[in-house]
Structures are given as structure tokens and as C-alpha cells.
Protein backbone atom coordinates (compact mmCIF):
# COMPACT_ATOMS: atom_id res chain seq x y z
CA ALA A 1 -83.18 219.98 95.45
CA GLY A 2 -82.39 219.45 99.10
CA ARG A 3 -79.58 222.12 99.00
CA VAL A 4 -82.00 224.74 97.53
CA TRP A 5 -84.60 223.94 100.17
CA TYR A 6 -82.06 224.26 102.86
CA THR A 7 -80.47 227.51 101.80
CA SER A 8 -83.76 228.98 100.42
CA GLY A 9 -82.33 229.15 96.83
CA THR A 10 -78.91 230.16 95.62
CA GLN A 11 -79.50 234.04 95.25
CA ILE A 12 -78.26 236.54 97.64
CA ALA A 13 -80.49 239.51 98.26
CA ARG A 14 -77.77 242.01 98.20
CA MET A 15 -74.83 240.85 96.02
CA ASP A 16 -71.94 242.97 96.07
CA PRO A 17 -70.53 243.05 92.51
CA TYR A 18 -66.97 243.33 94.03
CA SER A 19 -67.49 240.18 96.09
CA ASN A 20 -68.85 237.97 93.10
CA PRO A 21 -68.58 239.64 89.85
CA VAL A 22 -69.93 236.73 87.85
CA ALA A 23 -73.04 236.29 89.86
CA ALA A 24 -73.70 239.97 89.63
CA SER A 25 -73.42 239.93 85.83
CA GLU A 26 -76.59 240.74 84.01
CA ASP A 27 -75.61 238.95 80.76
CA GLY A 28 -76.22 235.28 81.14
CA ARG A 29 -73.86 234.28 78.42
CA VAL A 30 -70.99 235.93 80.25
CA ARG A 31 -72.19 234.22 83.46
CA PHE A 32 -72.17 230.91 81.65
CA LEU A 33 -68.86 231.29 80.00
CA SER A 34 -67.10 232.84 83.32
CA TYR A 35 -68.56 229.89 85.44
CA ALA A 36 -66.99 227.48 82.70
CA LEU A 37 -63.73 229.09 83.24
CA VAL A 38 -64.03 228.65 86.95
CA HIS A 39 -64.81 224.87 86.44
CA GLY A 40 -61.55 224.67 84.36
CA MET A 41 -59.49 226.53 86.90
CA TYR A 42 -60.75 224.38 89.68
CA MET A 43 -59.93 221.29 87.64
CA LYS A 44 -56.47 222.51 87.15
CA LEU A 45 -55.97 223.22 90.84
CA LEU A 46 -57.18 219.51 91.59
CA VAL A 47 -54.43 218.29 89.30
CA TRP A 48 -51.69 220.74 89.94
CA PRO A 49 -52.50 222.90 93.20
CA SER A 50 -49.57 225.23 92.55
CA PHE A 51 -51.47 228.39 93.26
CA LEU A 52 -54.20 228.31 96.06
CA CYS A 53 -56.08 231.39 97.12
CA TYR A 54 -58.80 231.62 99.76
CA ASP A 55 -60.47 234.51 98.12
CA TYR A 56 -61.24 234.94 94.60
CA SER A 57 -63.31 238.10 94.71
CA MET A 58 -62.26 241.59 93.42
CA ASP A 59 -61.70 240.46 89.77
CA ALA A 60 -59.33 237.61 90.59
CA VAL A 61 -60.99 235.57 87.74
CA PRO A 62 -61.93 238.16 85.03
CA LEU A 63 -65.26 237.93 83.48
CA VAL A 64 -65.17 236.07 80.06
CA GLN A 65 -67.13 238.30 77.50
CA SER A 66 -66.52 236.41 74.43
CA ALA A 67 -66.62 232.59 73.33
CA ALA A 68 -63.40 233.40 71.41
CA ASP A 69 -61.62 234.06 74.70
CA LEU A 70 -58.59 231.72 74.67
CA ARG A 71 -58.96 230.93 78.44
CA LEU A 72 -61.75 228.89 77.59
CA LEU A 73 -59.50 226.29 76.26
CA LEU A 74 -58.79 225.26 79.98
CA PRO A 75 -62.46 224.28 80.85
CA LEU A 76 -62.91 222.70 77.27
CA ALA A 77 -59.97 220.53 78.14
CA SER A 78 -61.32 219.69 81.58
CA TYR A 79 -64.74 218.59 80.30
CA LEU A 80 -63.03 216.50 77.59
CA ALA A 81 -60.68 214.94 80.12
CA LEU A 82 -63.85 213.95 82.34
CA LEU A 83 -65.42 212.01 79.24
């Protein structure tokens, strides 16, 4: 709640879809699945920081269009590891 107050929310008025394609996506399901993938990628980097990048824009993390995408096994394993 404090962060939202301090930053006046989390929306950027003029979001460039190339800078953050996940946030620019209009489909809530695609955003949810893609953010789950990002969580899995960060958990992997926390455990094994083999490839670090300062900028993940320009389709560095392709959007997840379907729940059948095999890349979602990474966040699933990450979430289960946290339990």
C-alpha cells in the first residue's frame, strides 16, 4: 500500500509496448502467465546466475500465450520449491 501511494500506482501513462510487452498486453491471462514465467526465471537466476542481463525489453522474455506452454514448468517448479 505504501509503494502504491509513493509511486501513485503502478501504471505508466505512456507504456511503450517494446519496453514492456507484458504490461502492454491487453489480455489478462497472457499477462498472468507471462509474469509467472518471469517469476520462474528470476528464481532460476537466484539459484543459478549463469546469464544476467540488465535489460529484458524487446521480447527478451516472449509472452506466454497458452497454459500449455512448457516454459511454465519453470515457475511451477519454483512455486513448489517455496512450499
